Amino acid sequence: MVVEWPDNSAERSGLKQQLDNMKDEGLVNVTYTSLGSSEDVKNIAYVSVSLTPEGRLTGEDEC
């Protein structure tokens, strides 16, 4: 699934933190596509999120 990236920088930071936390827990795979050379929230254009097998097993289908 592709997640819409908010225009508001505070919302961007919060969303990235949530996605990174879920990634650290092994629930999702997250790929950031940025316009710049880093994954800084101001450069990110697209985010692709997919559930890992562990994420599917926990029943957390809602991202």
PDB file of N, CA and C in Angstrom:
ATOM      1  N   MET A   1       0.840  -1.160   0.000  1.00  0.00           N
ATOM      2  CA  MET A   1       0.000   0.000   0.000  1.00  0.00           C
ATOM      3  C   MET A   1       0.891   1.231   0.000  1.00  0.00           C
ATOM      4  N   VAL A   2       0.437   2.287  -0.625  1.00  0.00           N
ATOM      5  CA  VAL A   2       1.166   3.543  -0.624  1.00  0.00           C
ATOM      6  C   VAL A   2       0.452   4.485   0.329  1.00  0.00           C
ATOM      7  N   VAL A   3       1.205   5.082   1.217  1.00  0.00           N
ATOM      8  CA  VAL A   3       0.656   5.979   2.223  1.00  0.00           C
ATOM      9  C   VAL A   3       0.784   7.412   1.734  1.00  0.00           C
ATOM     10  N   GLU A   4      -0.314   8.173   1.824  1.00  0.00           N
ATOM     11  CA  GLU A   4      -0.265   9.578   1.433  1.00  0.00           C
ATOM     12  C   GLU A   4       0.609  10.323   2.437  1.00  0.00           C
ATOM     13  N   TRP A   5       1.559  11.086   1.925  1.00  0.00           N
ATOM     14  CA  TRP A   5       2.487  11.815   2.778  1.00  0.00           C
ATOM     15  C   TRP A   5       1.938  13.208   3.027  1.00  0.00           C
ATOM     16  N   PRO A   6       1.704  13.588   4.286  1.00  0.00           N
ATOM     17  CA  PRO A   6       1.083  14.887   4.592  1.00  0.00           C
ATOM     18  C   PRO A   6       1.973  16.069   4.228  1.00  0.00           C
ATOM     19  N   ASP A   7       1.347  17.213   4.003  1.00  0.00           N
ATOM     20  CA  ASP A   7       2.085  18.446   3.714  1.00  0.00           C
ATOM     21  C   ASP A   7       2.647  19.081   4.979  1.00  0.00           C
ATOM     22  N   ASN A   8       1.972  18.887   6.089  1.00  0.00           N
ATOM     23  CA  ASN A   8       2.359  19.486   7.360  1.00  0.00           C
ATOM     24  C   ASN A   8       3.579  18.768   7.937  1.00  0.00           C
ATOM     25  N   SER A   9       4.633  19.514   8.263  1.00  0.00           N
ATOM     26  CA  SER A   9       5.869  18.872   8.716  1.00  0.00           C
ATOM     27  C   SER A   9       5.705  18.156  10.056  1.00  0.00           C
ATOM     28  N   ALA A  10       4.859  18.670  10.950  1.00  0.00           N
ATOM     29  CA  ALA A  10       4.630  17.984  12.230  1.00  0.00           C
ATOM     30  C   ALA A  10       3.943  16.642  11.994  1.00  0.00           C
ATOM     31  N   GLU A  11       2.960  16.637  11.076  1.00  0.00           N
ATOM     32  CA  GLU A  11       2.282  15.380  10.746  1.00  0.00           C
ATOM     33  C   GLU A  11       3.252  14.407  10.090  1.00  0.00           C
ATOM     34  N   ARG A  12       4.140  14.927   9.246  1.00  0.00           N
ATOM     35  CA  ARG A  12       5.146  14.064   8.598  1.00  0.00           C
ATOM     36  C   ARG A  12       6.019  13.382   9.633  1.00  0.00           C
ATOM     37  N   SER A  13       6.511  14.155  10.591  1.00  0.00           N
ATOM     38  CA  SER A  13       7.382  13.593  11.623  1.00  0.00           C
ATOM     39  C   SER A  13       6.656  12.526  12.425  1.00  0.00           C
ATOM     40  N   GLY A  14       5.400  12.799  12.780  1.00  0.00           N
ATOM     41  CA  GLY A  14       4.623  11.831  13.544  1.00  0.00           C
ATOM     42  C   GLY A  14       4.362  10.561  12.767  1.00  0.00           C
ATOM     43  N   LEU A  15       4.020  10.705  11.493  1.00  0.00           N
ATOM     44  CA  LEU A  15       3.742   9.533  10.661  1.00  0.00           C
ATOM     45  C   LEU A  15       5.009   8.711  10.460  1.00  0.00           C
ATOM     46  N   LYS A  16       6.118   9.371  10.189  1.00  0.00           N
ATOM     47  CA  LYS A  16       7.378   8.637  10.002  1.00  0.00           C
ATOM     48  C   LYS A  16       7.743   7.891  11.279  1.00  0.00           C
ATOM     49  N   GLN A  17       7.551   8.524  12.433  1.00  0.00           N
ATOM     50  CA  GLN A  17       7.858   7.874  13.711  1.00  0.00           C
ATOM     51  C   GLN A  17       6.987   6.634  13.912  1.00  0.00           C
ATOM     52  N   GLN A  18       5.683   6.754  13.597  1.00  0.00           N
ATOM     53  CA  GLN A  18       4.780   5.602  13.734  1.00  0.00           C
ATOM     54  C   GLN A  18       5.210   4.471  12.811  1.00  0.00           C
ATOM     55  N   LEU A  19       5.518   4.799  11.566  1.00  0.00           N
ATOM     56  CA  LEU A  19       5.925   3.767  10.609  1.00  0.00           C
ATOM     57  C   LEU A  19       7.243   3.125  11.028  1.00  0.00           C
ATOM     58  N   ASP A  20       8.195   3.955  11.488  1.00  0.00           N
ATOM     59  CA  ASP A  20       9.476   3.411  11.928  1.00  0.00           C
ATOM     60  C   ASP A  20       9.303   2.504  13.147  1.00  0.00           C
ATOM     61  N   ASN A  21       8.407   2.869  14.061  1.00  0.00           N
ATOM     62  CA  ASN A  21       8.143   2.024  15.233  1.00  0.00           C
ATOM     63  C   ASN A  21       7.562   0.684  14.809  1.00  0.00           C
ATOM     64  N   MET A  22       6.605   0.717  13.875  1.00  0.00           N
ATOM     65  CA  MET A  22       6.004  -0.528  13.393  1.00  0.00           C
ATOM     66  C   MET A  22       7.044  -1.376  12.668  1.00  0.00           C
ATOM     67  N   LYS A  23       7.942  -0.709  11.932  1.00  0.00           N
ATOM     68  CA  LYS A  23       9.011  -1.423  11.234  1.00  0.00           C
ATOM     69  C   LYS A  23       9.950  -2.076  12.250  1.00  0.00           C
ATOM     70  N   ASP A  24      10.313  -1.325  13.310  1.00  0.00           N
ATOM     71  CA  ASP A  24      11.193  -1.856  14.349  1.00  0.00           C
ATOM     72  C   ASP A  24      10.575  -3.051  15.066  1.00  0.00           C
ATOM     73  N   GLU A  25       9.249  -3.065  15.179  1.00  0.00           N
ATOM     74  CA  GLU A  25       8.557  -4.186  15.821  1.00  0.00           C
ATOM     75  C   GLU A  25       8.416  -5.379  14.880  1.00  0.00           C
ATOM     76  N   GLY A  26       8.814  -5.204  13.612  1.00  0.00           N
ATOM     77  CA  GLY A  26       8.743  -6.294  12.651  1.00  0.00           C
ATOM     78  C   GLY A  26       7.373  -6.495  12.046  1.00  0.00           C
ATOM     79  N   LEU A  27       6.480  -5.502  12.180  1.00  0.00           N
ATOM     80  CA  LEU A  27       5.115  -5.649  11.680  1.00  0.00           C
ATOM     81  C   LEU A  27       4.974  -5.245  10.215  1.00  0.00           C
ATOM     82  N   VAL A  28       5.816  -4.320   9.756  1.00  0.00           N
ATOM     83  CA  VAL A  28       5.697  -3.829   8.385  1.00  0.00           C
ATOM     84  C   VAL A  28       7.072  -3.654   7.762  1.00  0.00           C
ATOM     85  N   ASN A  29       7.076  -3.673   6.440  1.00  0.00           N
ATOM     86  CA  ASN A  29       8.231  -3.247   5.670  1.00  0.00           C
ATOM     87  C   ASN A  29       7.911  -1.850   5.156  1.00  0.00           C
ATOM     88  N   VAL A  30       8.835  -0.930   5.303  1.00  0.00           N
ATOM     89  CA  VAL A  30       8.616   0.451   4.893  1.00  0.00           C
ATOM     90  C   VAL A  30       9.728   0.862   3.951  1.00  0.00           C
ATOM     91  N   THR A  31       9.360   1.425   2.803  1.00  0.00           N
ATOM     92  CA  THR A  31      10.334   1.962   1.871  1.00  0.00           C
ATOM     93  C   THR A  31       9.993   3.418   1.615  1.00  0.00           C
ATOM     94  N   TYR A  32      10.947   4.295   1.879  1.00  0.00           N
ATOM     95  CA  TYR A  32      10.762   5.720   1.633  1.00  0.00           C
ATOM     96  C   TYR A  32      11.406   6.077   0.303  1.00  0.00           C
ATOM     97  N   THR A  33      10.684   6.816  -0.518  1.00  0.00           N
ATOM     98  CA  THR A  33      11.228   7.332  -1.764  1.00  0.00           C
ATOM     99  C   THR A  33      11.325   8.837  -1.604  1.00  0.00           C
ATOM    100  N   SER A  34      12.550   9.342  -1.611  1.00  0.00           N
ATOM    101  CA  SER A  34      12.724  10.768  -1.351  1.00  0.00           C
ATOM    102  C   SER A  34      13.162  11.511  -2.603  1.00  0.00           C
ATOM    103  N   LEU A  35      12.894  12.808  -2.593  1.00  0.00           N
ATOM    104  CA  LEU A  35      13.310  13.680  -3.686  1.00  0.00           C
ATOM    105  C   LEU A  35      14.754  14.106  -3.499  1.00  0.00           C
ATOM    106  N   GLY A  36      15.231  14.068  -2.271  1.00  0.00           N
ATOM    107  CA  GLY A  36      16.600  14.449  -1.969  1.00  0.00           C
ATOM    108  C   GLY A  36      17.454  13.225  -1.745  1.00  0.00           C
ATOM    109  N   SER A  37      18.584  13.434  -1.120  1.00  0.00           N
ATOM    110  CA  SER A  37      19.532  12.343  -0.923  1.00  0.00           C
ATOM    111  C   SER A  37      19.368  11.657   0.425  1.00  0.00           C
ATOM    112  N   SER A  38      18.401  12.102   1.228  1.00  0.00           N
ATOM    113  CA  SER A  38      18.231  11.500   2.541  1.00  0.00           C
ATOM    114  C   SER A  38      16.768  11.154   2.789  1.00  0.00           C
ATOM    115  N   GLU A  39      16.525  10.444   3.880  1.00  0.00           N
ATOM    116  CA  GLU A  39      15.162  10.109   4.273  1.00  0.00           C
ATOM    117  C   GLU A  39      14.609  11.145   5.246  1.00  0.00           C
ATOM    118  N   ASP A  40      15.154  12.355   5.211  1.00  0.00           N
ATOM    119  CA  ASP A  40      14.627  13.434   6.039  1.00  0.00           C
ATOM    120  C   ASP A  40      13.171  13.649   5.642  1.00  0.00           C
ATOM    121  N   VAL A  41      12.309  13.905   6.616  1.00  0.00           N
ATOM    122  CA  VAL A  41      10.878  13.974   6.339  1.00  0.00           C
ATOM    123  C   VAL A  41      10.522  15.026   5.295  1.00  0.00           C
ATOM    124  N   LYS A  42      11.315  16.073   5.153  1.00  0.00           N
ATOM    125  CA  LYS A  42      10.963  17.116   4.185  1.00  0.00           C
ATOM    126  C   LYS A  42      11.263  16.682   2.756  1.00  0.00           C
ATOM    127  N   ASN A  43      12.094  15.658   2.575  1.00  0.00           N
ATOM    128  CA  ASN A  43      12.462  15.185   1.243  1.00  0.00           C
ATOM    129  C   ASN A  43      11.639  14.002   0.753  1.00  0.00           C
ATOM    130  N   ILE A  44      10.905  13.359   1.649  1.00  0.00           N
ATOM    131  CA  ILE A  44      10.175  12.142   1.281  1.00  0.00           C
ATOM    132  C   ILE A  44       8.994  12.485   0.386  1.00  0.00           C
ATOM    133  N   ALA A  45       8.905  11.762  -0.720  1.00  0.00           N
ATOM    134  CA  ALA A  45       7.813  11.979  -1.663  1.00  0.00           C
ATOM    135  C   ALA A  45       6.774  10.865  -1.564  1.00  0.00           C
ATOM    136  N   TYR A  46       7.215   9.621  -1.455  1.00  0.00           N
ATOM    137  CA  TYR A  46       6.314   8.470  -1.404  1.00  0.00           C
ATOM    138  C   TYR A  46       6.766   7.509  -0.324  1.00  0.00           C
ATOM    139  N   VAL A  47       5.803   6.816   0.248  1.00  0.00           N
ATOM    140  CA  VAL A  47       6.092   5.785   1.235  1.00  0.00           C
ATOM    141  C   VAL A  47       5.316   4.542   0.836  1.00  0.00           C
ATOM    142  N   SER A  48       6.002   3.421   0.766  1.00  0.00           N
ATOM    143  CA  SER A  48       5.355   2.152   0.474  1.00  0.00           C
ATOM    144  C   SER A  48       5.415   1.302   1.739  1.00  0.00           C
ATOM    145  N   VAL A  49       4.259   0.785   2.143  1.00  0.00           N
ATOM    146  CA  VAL A  49       4.167  -0.011   3.377  1.00  0.00           C
ATOM    147  C   VAL A  49       3.546  -1.358   3.047  1.00  0.00           C
ATOM    148  N   SER A  50       4.161  -2.418   3.525  1.00  0.00           N
ATOM    149  CA  SER A  50       3.560  -3.745   3.377  1.00  0.00           C
ATOM    150  C   SER A  50       3.687  -4.492   4.693  1.00  0.00           C
ATOM    151  N   LEU A  51       2.679  -5.291   4.994  1.00  0.00           N
ATOM    152  CA  LEU A  51       2.704  -6.082   6.222  1.00  0.00           C
ATOM    153  C   LEU A  51       3.694  -7.237   6.087  1.00  0.00           C
ATOM    154  N   THR A  52       4.427  -7.485   7.138  1.00  0.00           N
ATOM    155  CA  THR A  52       5.287  -8.660   7.184  1.00  0.00           C
ATOM    156  C   THR A  52       4.427  -9.851   7.597  1.00  0.00           C
ATOM    157  N   PRO A  53       4.935 -11.068   7.449  1.00  0.00           N
ATOM    158  CA  PRO A  53       4.168 -12.225   7.947  1.00  0.00           C
ATOM    159  C   PRO A  53       3.830 -12.081   9.430  1.00  0.00           C
ATOM    160  N   GLU A  54       4.736 -11.518  10.221  1.00  0.00           N
ATOM    161  CA  GLU A  54       4.467 -11.314  11.646  1.00  0.00           C
ATOM    162  C   GLU A  54       3.334 -10.317  11.841  1.00  0.00           C
ATOM    163  N   GLY A  55       3.319  -9.261  11.030  1.00  0.00           N
ATOM    164  CA  GLY A  55       2.261  -8.263  11.115  1.00  0.00           C
ATOM    165  C   GLY A  55       0.904  -8.856  10.778  1.00  0.00           C
ATOM    166  N   ARG A  56       0.876  -9.746   9.794  1.00  0.00           N
ATOM    167  CA  ARG A  56      -0.383 -10.392   9.418  1.00  0.00           C
ATOM    168  C   ARG A  56      -0.880 -11.302  10.542  1.00  0.00           C
ATOM    169  N   LEU A  57       0.048 -11.977  11.205  1.00  0.00           N
ATOM    170  CA  LEU A  57      -0.332 -12.907  12.263  1.00  0.00           C
ATOM    171  C   LEU A  57      -0.913 -12.208  13.479  1.00  0.00           C
ATOM    172  N   THR A  58      -0.495 -10.953  13.707  1.00  0.00           N
ATOM    173  CA  THR A  58      -1.013 -10.238  14.874  1.00  0.00           C
ATOM    174  C   THR A  58      -2.386  -9.654  14.613  1.00  0.00           C
ATOM    175  N   GLY A  59      -2.825  -9.680  13.355  1.00  0.00           N
ATOM    176  CA  GLY A  59      -4.141  -9.164  13.024  1.00  0.00           C
ATOM    177  C   GLY A  59      -4.168  -7.661  12.864  1.00  0.00           C
ATOM    178  N   GLU A  60      -3.005  -7.032  12.787  1.00  0.00           N
ATOM    179  CA  GLU A  60      -2.942  -5.582  12.641  1.00  0.00           C
ATOM    180  C   GLU A  60      -2.909  -5.214  11.162  1.00  0.00           C
ATOM    181  N   ASP A  61      -4.048  -5.392  10.489  1.00  0.00           N
ATOM    182  CA  ASP A  61      -4.129  -5.095   9.066  1.00  0.00           C
ATOM    183  C   ASP A  61      -4.330  -3.607   8.796  1.00  0.00           C
ATOM    184  N   GLU A  62      -4.736  -2.863   9.800  1.00  0.00           N
ATOM    185  CA  GLU A  62      -4.969  -1.437   9.625  1.00  0.00           C
ATOM    186  C   GLU A  62      -3.691  -0.675   9.888  1.00  0.00           C
ATOM    187  N   CYS A  63      -3.249   0.075   8.906  1.00  0.00           N
ATOM    188  CA  CYS A  63      -2.030   0.878   9.068  1.00  0.00           C
ATOM    189  C   CYS A  63      -2.395   2.335   9.203  1.00  0.00           C
TER     190      CYS A  63
END
